[in-house]
Amino acid sequence: MRARLIAAFAAVYIIWGSTYLAIRFAVETLPPLLMAGARFFIAGIILLVWSRFSAPNRRPTRVDWNTGLVTGLLLLLRV
């Protein structure tokens, strides 16, 4: 149990730290809004692939897409 906890914290530190490092370098070459859009797009693709492997017989429904669209717009608009 303790090893799993340490591994989880290590994953958070590495993933979170690499995200900030990538943002630092990306802002130097890309406009900020384009970079943010690319980040959300890539994250969405990763989540879609993950969901396809975790539940291969379930496809996103229209309700799922609408929920994702509303959530994405609210994240973008920061409401």
PDB file of N, CA and C in Angstrom:
ATOM      1  N   MET A   1       0.831  -1.195   0.000  1.00  0.00           N
ATOM      2  CA  MET A   1       0.000   0.000   0.000  1.00  0.00           C
ATOM      3  C   MET A   1       0.875   1.259   0.000  1.00  0.00           C
ATOM      4  N   ARG A   2       1.920   1.243   0.785  1.00  0.00           N
ATOM      5  CA  ARG A   2       2.785   2.416   0.872  1.00  0.00           C
ATOM      6  C   ARG A   2       3.512   2.676  -0.447  1.00  0.00           C
ATOM      7  N   ALA A   3       3.927   1.611  -1.121  1.00  0.00           N
ATOM      8  CA  ALA A   3       4.608   1.756  -2.417  1.00  0.00           C
ATOM      9  C   ALA A   3       3.671   2.348  -3.461  1.00  0.00           C
ATOM     10  N   ARG A   4       2.405   1.955  -3.432  1.00  0.00           N
ATOM     11  CA  ARG A   4       1.430   2.518  -4.368  1.00  0.00           C
ATOM     12  C   ARG A   4       1.207   4.004  -4.109  1.00  0.00           C
ATOM     13  N   LEU A   5       1.169   4.373  -2.848  1.00  0.00           N
ATOM     14  CA  LEU A   5       1.001   5.782  -2.488  1.00  0.00           C
ATOM     15  C   LEU A   5       2.186   6.608  -2.969  1.00  0.00           C
ATOM     16  N   ILE A   6       3.385   6.107  -2.754  1.00  0.00           N
ATOM     17  CA  ILE A   6       4.590   6.808  -3.213  1.00  0.00           C
ATOM     18  C   ILE A   6       4.617   6.895  -4.735  1.00  0.00           C
ATOM     19  N   ALA A   7       4.213   5.817  -5.415  1.00  0.00           N
ATOM     20  CA  ALA A   7       4.172   5.822  -6.878  1.00  0.00           C
ATOM     21  C   ALA A   7       3.141   6.824  -7.390  1.00  0.00           C
ATOM     22  N   ALA A   8       2.003   6.919  -6.706  1.00  0.00           N
ATOM     23  CA  ALA A   8       0.976   7.873  -7.109  1.00  0.00           C
ATOM     24  C   ALA A   8       1.480   9.311  -6.954  1.00  0.00           C
ATOM     25  N   PHE A   9       2.122   9.616  -5.839  1.00  0.00           N
ATOM     26  CA  PHE A   9       2.674  10.953  -5.649  1.00  0.00           C
ATOM     27  C   PHE A   9       3.772  11.255  -6.667  1.00  0.00           C
ATOM     28  N   ALA A  10       4.599  10.273  -6.956  1.00  0.00           N
ATOM     29  CA  ALA A  10       5.662  10.461  -7.950  1.00  0.00           C
ATOM     30  C   ALA A  10       5.064  10.738  -9.327  1.00  0.00           C
ATOM     31  N   ALA A  11       4.003  10.029  -9.673  1.00  0.00           N
ATOM     32  CA  ALA A  11       3.346  10.259 -10.964  1.00  0.00           C
ATOM     33  C   ALA A  11       2.776  11.664 -11.037  1.00  0.00           C
ATOM     34  N   VAL A  12       2.140  12.104  -9.964  1.00  0.00           N
ATOM     35  CA  VAL A  12       1.585  13.466  -9.945  1.00  0.00           C
ATOM     36  C   VAL A  12       2.699  14.495 -10.099  1.00  0.00           C
ATOM     37  N   TYR A  13       3.774  14.340  -9.368  1.00  0.00           N
ATOM     38  CA  TYR A  13       4.879  15.300  -9.461  1.00  0.00           C
ATOM     39  C   TYR A  13       5.489  15.319 -10.850  1.00  0.00           C
ATOM     40  N   ILE A  14       5.704  14.158 -11.434  1.00  0.00           N
ATOM     41  CA  ILE A  14       6.331  14.098 -12.757  1.00  0.00           C
ATOM     42  C   ILE A  14       5.398  14.626 -13.832  1.00  0.00           C
ATOM     43  N   ILE A  15       4.140  14.178 -13.825  1.00  0.00           N
ATOM     44  CA  ILE A  15       3.193  14.621 -14.855  1.00  0.00           C
ATOM     45  C   ILE A  15       2.905  16.107 -14.714  1.00  0.00           C
ATOM     46  N   TRP A  16       2.619  16.565 -13.504  1.00  0.00           N
ATOM     47  CA  TRP A  16       2.312  17.967 -13.299  1.00  0.00           C
ATOM     48  C   TRP A  16       3.526  18.841 -13.621  1.00  0.00           C
ATOM     49  N   GLY A  17       4.688  18.428 -13.184  1.00  0.00           N
ATOM     50  CA  GLY A  17       5.899  19.194 -13.462  1.00  0.00           C
ATOM     51  C   GLY A  17       6.210  19.266 -14.941  1.00  0.00           C
ATOM     52  N   SER A  18       6.027  18.163 -15.651  1.00  0.00           N
ATOM     53  CA  SER A  18       6.295  18.185 -17.093  1.00  0.00           C
ATOM     54  C   SER A  18       5.274  19.048 -17.828  1.00  0.00           C
ATOM     55  N   THR A  19       4.054  19.134 -17.311  1.00  0.00           N
ATOM     56  CA  THR A  19       3.043  19.998 -17.928  1.00  0.00           C
ATOM     57  C   THR A  19       3.483  21.456 -17.853  1.00  0.00           C
ATOM     58  N   TYR A  20       3.932  21.890 -16.694  1.00  0.00           N
ATOM     59  CA  TYR A  20       4.370  23.275 -16.562  1.00  0.00           C
ATOM     60  C   TYR A  20       5.614  23.558 -17.403  1.00  0.00           C
ATOM     61  N   LEU A  21       6.511  22.602 -17.499  1.00  0.00           N
ATOM     62  CA  LEU A  21       7.683  22.770 -18.340  1.00  0.00           C
ATOM     63  C   LEU A  21       7.286  22.875 -19.809  1.00  0.00           C
ATOM     64  N   ALA A  22       6.359  22.031 -20.238  1.00  0.00           N
ATOM     65  CA  ALA A  22       5.890  22.084 -21.625  1.00  0.00           C
ATOM     66  C   ALA A  22       5.184  23.404 -21.913  1.00  0.00           C
ATOM     67  N   ILE A  23       4.390  23.897 -20.983  1.00  0.00           N
ATOM     68  CA  ILE A  23       3.707  25.184 -21.168  1.00  0.00           C
ATOM     69  C   ILE A  23       4.738  26.296 -21.295  1.00  0.00           C
ATOM     70  N   ARG A  24       5.780  26.246 -20.483  1.00  0.00           N
ATOM     71  CA  ARG A  24       6.820  27.283 -20.532  1.00  0.00           C
ATOM     72  C   ARG A  24       7.459  27.374 -21.915  1.00  0.00           C
ATOM     73  N   PHE A  25       7.790  26.214 -22.492  1.00  0.00           N
ATOM     74  CA  PHE A  25       8.410  26.213 -23.810  1.00  0.00           C
ATOM     75  C   PHE A  25       7.396  26.503 -24.914  1.00  0.00           C
ATOM     76  N   ALA A  26       6.173  26.046 -24.757  1.00  0.00           N
ATOM     77  CA  ALA A  26       5.164  26.250 -25.798  1.00  0.00           C
ATOM     78  C   ALA A  26       4.764  27.720 -25.915  1.00  0.00           C
ATOM     79  N   VAL A  27       4.708  28.436 -24.808  1.00  0.00           N
ATOM     80  CA  VAL A  27       4.318  29.843 -24.840  1.00  0.00           C
ATOM     81  C   VAL A  27       5.346  30.677 -25.607  1.00  0.00           C
ATOM     82  N   GLU A  28       6.582  30.211 -25.626  1.00  0.00           N
ATOM     83  CA  GLU A  28       7.617  30.941 -26.363  1.00  0.00           C
ATOM     84  C   GLU A  28       7.432  30.833 -27.876  1.00  0.00           C
ATOM     85  N   THR A  29       6.764  29.777 -28.355  1.00  0.00           N
ATOM     86  CA  THR A  29       6.651  29.560 -29.792  1.00  0.00           C
ATOM     87  C   THR A  29       5.231  29.677 -30.326  1.00  0.00           C
ATOM     88  N   LEU A  30       4.220  29.457 -29.498  1.00  0.00           N
ATOM     89  CA  LEU A  30       2.826  29.492 -29.941  1.00  0.00           C
ATOM     90  C   LEU A  30       2.072  30.609 -29.228  1.00  0.00           C
ATOM     91  N   PRO A  31       1.048  31.156 -29.875  1.00  0.00           N
ATOM     92  CA  PRO A  31       0.174  32.090 -29.148  1.00  0.00           C
ATOM     93  C   PRO A  31      -0.539  31.347 -28.006  1.00  0.00           C
ATOM     94  N   PRO A  32      -0.756  32.006 -26.887  1.00  0.00           N
ATOM     95  CA  PRO A  32      -1.322  31.328 -25.707  1.00  0.00           C
ATOM     96  C   PRO A  32      -2.670  30.651 -25.952  1.00  0.00           C
ATOM     97  N   LEU A  33      -3.583  31.296 -26.681  1.00  0.00           N
ATOM     98  CA  LEU A  33      -4.889  30.679 -26.893  1.00  0.00           C
ATOM     99  C   LEU A  33      -4.801  29.460 -27.805  1.00  0.00           C
ATOM    100  N   LEU A  34      -3.934  29.501 -28.790  1.00  0.00           N
ATOM    101  CA  LEU A  34      -3.739  28.341 -29.659  1.00  0.00           C
ATOM    102  C   LEU A  34      -3.143  27.182 -28.860  1.00  0.00           C
ATOM    103  N   MET A  35      -2.203  27.496 -27.989  1.00  0.00           N
ATOM    104  CA  MET A  35      -1.601  26.460 -27.157  1.00  0.00           C
ATOM    105  C   MET A  35      -2.640  25.861 -26.217  1.00  0.00           C
ATOM    106  N   ALA A  36      -3.486  26.689 -25.610  1.00  0.00           N
ATOM    107  CA  ALA A  36      -4.520  26.183 -24.709  1.00  0.00           C
ATOM    108  C   ALA A  36      -5.510  25.306 -25.473  1.00  0.00           C
ATOM    109  N   GLY A  37      -5.891  25.729 -26.663  1.00  0.00           N
ATOM    110  CA  GLY A  37      -6.796  24.923 -27.477  1.00  0.00           C
ATOM    111  C   GLY A  37      -6.177  23.588 -27.850  1.00  0.00           C
ATOM    112  N   ALA A  38      -4.910  23.608 -28.214  1.00  0.00           N
ATOM    113  CA  ALA A  38      -4.217  22.362 -28.562  1.00  0.00           C
ATOM    114  C   ALA A  38      -4.134  21.443 -27.344  1.00  0.00           C
ATOM    115  N   ARG A  39      -3.899  22.025 -26.167  1.00  0.00           N
ATOM    116  CA  ARG A  39      -3.830  21.226 -24.939  1.00  0.00           C
ATOM    117  C   ARG A  39      -5.150  20.524 -24.653  1.00  0.00           C
ATOM    118  N   PHE A  40      -6.256  21.275 -24.769  1.00  0.00           N
ATOM    119  CA  PHE A  40      -7.567  20.677 -24.517  1.00  0.00           C
ATOM    120  C   PHE A  40      -7.903  19.639 -25.580  1.00  0.00           C
ATOM    121  N   PHE A  41      -7.535  19.902 -26.824  1.00  0.00           N
ATOM    122  CA  PHE A  41      -7.804  18.948 -27.905  1.00  0.00           C
ATOM    123  C   PHE A  41      -7.047  17.645 -27.667  1.00  0.00           C
ATOM    124  N   ILE A  42      -5.778  17.748 -27.338  1.00  0.00           N
ATOM    125  CA  ILE A  42      -4.967  16.552 -27.081  1.00  0.00           C
ATOM    126  C   ILE A  42      -5.489  15.798 -25.861  1.00  0.00           C
ATOM    127  N   ALA A  43      -5.870  16.532 -24.816  1.00  0.00           N
ATOM    128  CA  ALA A  43      -6.424  15.881 -23.624  1.00  0.00           C
ATOM    129  C   ALA A  43      -7.724  15.156 -23.956  1.00  0.00           C
ATOM    130  N   GLY A  44      -8.555  15.754 -24.794  1.00  0.00           N
ATOM    131  CA  GLY A  44      -9.803  15.110 -25.201  1.00  0.00           C
ATOM    132  C   GLY A  44      -9.560  13.839 -25.988  1.00  0.00           C
ATOM    133  N   ILE A  45      -8.584  13.881 -26.898  1.00  0.00           N
ATOM    134  CA  ILE A  45      -8.249  12.681 -27.669  1.00  0.00           C
ATOM    135  C   ILE A  45      -7.743  11.574 -26.745  1.00  0.00           C
ATOM    136  N   ILE A  46      -6.886  11.939 -25.792  1.00  0.00           N
ATOM    137  CA  ILE A  46      -6.372  10.940 -24.841  1.00  0.00           C
ATOM    138  C   ILE A  46      -7.513  10.329 -24.036  1.00  0.00           C
ATOM    139  N   LEU A  47      -8.449  11.153 -23.565  1.00  0.00           N
ATOM    140  CA  LEU A  47      -9.584  10.628 -22.799  1.00  0.00           C
ATOM    141  C   LEU A  47     -10.497   9.758 -23.654  1.00  0.00           C
ATOM    142  N   LEU A  48     -10.686  10.128 -24.912  1.00  0.00           N
ATOM    143  CA  LEU A  48     -11.511   9.323 -25.807  1.00  0.00           C
ATOM    144  C   LEU A  48     -10.876   7.954 -26.045  1.00  0.00           C
ATOM    145  N   VAL A  49      -9.571   7.934 -26.288  1.00  0.00           N
ATOM    146  CA  VAL A  49      -8.864   6.661 -26.483  1.00  0.00           C
ATOM    147  C   VAL A  49      -8.920   5.824 -25.204  1.00  0.00           C
ATOM    148  N   TRP A  50      -8.708   6.464 -24.057  1.00  0.00           N
ATOM    149  CA  TRP A  50      -8.754   5.758 -22.776  1.00  0.00           C
ATOM    150  C   TRP A  50     -10.137   5.116 -22.575  1.00  0.00           C
ATOM    151  N   SER A  51     -11.195   5.879 -22.859  1.00  0.00           N
ATOM    152  CA  SER A  51     -12.543   5.348 -22.654  1.00  0.00           C
ATOM    153  C   SER A  51     -12.839   4.206 -23.614  1.00  0.00           C
ATOM    154  N   ARG A  52     -12.296   4.262 -24.825  1.00  0.00           N
ATOM    155  CA  ARG A  52     -12.517   3.178 -25.797  1.00  0.00           C
ATOM    156  C   ARG A  52     -11.841   1.889 -25.324  1.00  0.00           C
ATOM    157  N   PHE A  53     -10.676   2.008 -24.673  1.00  0.00           N
ATOM    158  CA  PHE A  53      -9.996   0.808 -24.184  1.00  0.00           C
ATOM    159  C   PHE A  53     -10.606   0.290 -22.891  1.00  0.00           C
ATOM    160  N   SER A  54     -11.127   1.174 -22.054  1.00  0.00           N
ATOM    161  CA  SER A  54     -11.691   0.726 -20.780  1.00  0.00           C
ATOM    162  C   SER A  54     -13.097   0.155 -20.950  1.00  0.00           C
ATOM    163  N   ALA A  55     -13.841   0.641 -21.938  1.00  0.00           N
ATOM    164  CA  ALA A  55     -15.189   0.118 -22.221  1.00  0.00           C
ATOM    165  C   ALA A  55     -15.341   0.008 -23.733  1.00  0.00           C
ATOM    166  N   PRO A  56     -14.785  -1.051 -24.344  1.00  0.00           N
ATOM    167  CA  PRO A  56     -14.733  -1.120 -25.808  1.00  0.00           C
ATOM    168  C   PRO A  56     -16.095  -1.194 -26.495  1.00  0.00           C
ATOM    169  N   ASN A  57     -17.129  -1.652 -25.800  1.00  0.00           N
ATOM    170  CA  ASN A  57     -18.444  -1.779 -26.431  1.00  0.00           C
ATOM    171  C   ASN A  57     -19.304  -0.541 -26.281  1.00  0.00           C
ATOM    172  N   ARG A  58     -18.838   0.438 -25.539  1.00  0.00           N
ATOM    173  CA  ARG A  58     -19.643   1.649 -25.311  1.00  0.00           C
ATOM    174  C   ARG A  58     -19.072   2.805 -26.119  1.00  0.00           C
ATOM    175  N   ARG A  59     -19.917   3.395 -26.935  1.00  0.00           N
ATOM    176  CA  ARG A  59     -19.532   4.574 -27.718  1.00  0.00           C
ATOM    177  C   ARG A  59     -20.162   5.806 -27.070  1.00  0.00           C
ATOM    178  N   PRO A  60     -19.525   6.974 -27.191  1.00  0.00           N
ATOM    179  CA  PRO A  60     -20.131   8.187 -26.630  1.00  0.00           C
ATOM    180  C   PRO A  60     -21.477   8.486 -27.308  1.00  0.00           C
ATOM    181  N   THR A  61     -22.468   8.795 -26.500  1.00  0.00           N
ATOM    182  CA  THR A  61     -23.795   9.122 -27.020  1.00  0.00           C
ATOM    183  C   THR A  61     -23.879  10.614 -27.294  1.00  0.00           C
ATOM    184  N   ARG A  62     -25.005  11.037 -27.860  1.00  0.00           N
ATOM    185  CA  ARG A  62     -25.232  12.466 -28.119  1.00  0.00           C
ATOM    186  C   ARG A  62     -25.218  13.254 -26.814  1.00  0.00           C
ATOM    187  N   VAL A  63     -25.757  12.672 -25.757  1.00  0.00           N
ATOM    188  CA  VAL A  63     -25.756  13.340 -24.445  1.00  0.00           C
ATOM    189  C   VAL A  63     -24.325  13.514 -23.946  1.00  0.00           C
ATOM    190  N   ASP A  64     -23.493  12.504 -24.130  1.00  0.00           N
ATOM    191  CA  ASP A  64     -22.085  12.606 -23.723  1.00  0.00           C
ATOM    192  C   ASP A  64     -21.379  13.736 -24.475  1.00  0.00           C
ATOM    193  N   TRP A  65     -21.594  13.805 -25.793  1.00  0.00           N
ATOM    194  CA  TRP A  65     -20.966  14.859 -26.593  1.00  0.00           C
ATOM    195  C   TRP A  65     -21.478  16.238 -26.184  1.00  0.00           C
ATOM    196  N   ASN A  66     -22.781  16.361 -25.927  1.00  0.00           N
ATOM    197  CA  ASN A  66     -23.337  17.653 -25.504  1.00  0.00           C
ATOM    198  C   ASN A  66     -22.789  18.073 -24.145  1.00  0.00           C
ATOM    199  N   THR A  67     -22.690  17.126 -23.223  1.00  0.00           N
ATOM    200  CA  THR A  67     -22.124  17.427 -21.907  1.00  0.00           C
ATOM    201  C   THR A  67     -20.676  17.881 -22.037  1.00  0.00           C
ATOM    202  N   GLY A  68     -19.920  17.183 -22.863  1.00  0.00           N
ATOM    203  CA  GLY A  68     -18.526  17.568 -23.088  1.00  0.00           C
ATOM    204  C   GLY A  68     -18.403  18.937 -23.732  1.00  0.00           C
ATOM    205  N   LEU A  69     -19.297  19.240 -24.669  1.00  0.00           N
ATOM    206  CA  LEU A  69     -19.277  20.545 -25.323  1.00  0.00           C
ATOM    207  C   LEU A  69     -19.566  21.669 -24.328  1.00  0.00           C
ATOM    208  N   VAL A  70     -20.592  21.489 -23.515  1.00  0.00           N
ATOM    209  CA  VAL A  70     -20.929  22.512 -22.511  1.00  0.00           C
ATOM    210  C   VAL A  70     -19.793  22.675 -21.512  1.00  0.00           C
ATOM    211  N   THR A  71     -19.232  21.568 -21.045  1.00  0.00           N
ATOM    212  CA  THR A  71     -18.119  21.625 -20.096  1.00  0.00           C
ATOM    213  C   THR A  71     -16.916  22.321 -20.708  1.00  0.00           C
ATOM    214  N   GLY A  72     -16.599  21.991 -21.956  1.00  0.00           N
ATOM    215  CA  GLY A  72     -15.480  22.626 -22.640  1.00  0.00           C
ATOM    216  C   GLY A  72     -15.681  24.117 -22.806  1.00  0.00           C
ATOM    217  N   LEU A  73     -16.900  24.520 -23.166  1.00  0.00           N
ATOM    218  CA  LEU A  73     -17.166  25.951 -23.312  1.00  0.00           C
ATOM    219  C   LEU A  73     -17.060  26.677 -21.977  1.00  0.00           C
ATOM    220  N   LEU A  74     -17.561  26.052 -20.920  1.00  0.00           N
ATOM    221  CA  LEU A  74     -17.459  26.678 -19.614  1.00  0.00           C
ATOM    222  C   LEU A  74     -15.999  26.770 -19.155  1.00  0.00           C
ATOM    223  N   LEU A  75     -15.184  25.768 -19.457  1.00  0.00           N
ATOM    224  CA  LEU A  75     -13.769  25.842 -19.134  1.00  0.00           C
ATOM    225  C   LEU A  75     -13.089  26.964 -19.925  1.00  0.00           C
ATOM    226  N   LEU A  76     -13.455  27.081 -21.177  1.00  0.00           N
ATOM    227  CA  LEU A  76     -12.855  28.097 -22.036  1.00  0.00           C
ATOM    228  C   LEU A  76     -13.265  29.501 -21.599  1.00  0.00           C
ATOM    229  N   LEU A  77     -14.534  29.666 -21.244  1.00  0.00           N
ATOM    230  CA  LEU A  77     -15.046  30.980 -20.870  1.00  0.00           C
ATOM    231  C   LEU A  77     -14.791  31.320 -19.414  1.00  0.00           C
ATOM    232  N   ARG A  78     -14.415  30.318 -18.622  1.00  0.00           N
ATOM    233  CA  ARG A  78     -14.136  30.490 -17.185  1.00  0.00           C
ATOM    234  C   ARG A  78     -15.314  31.114 -16.439  1.00  0.00           C
ATOM    235  N   VAL A  79     -16.486  30.538 -16.676  1.00  0.00           N
ATOM    236  CA  VAL A  79     -17.709  31.036 -16.021  1.00  0.00           C
ATOM    237  C   VAL A  79     -17.843  30.412 -14.666  1.00  0.00           C
TER     238      VAL A  79
END
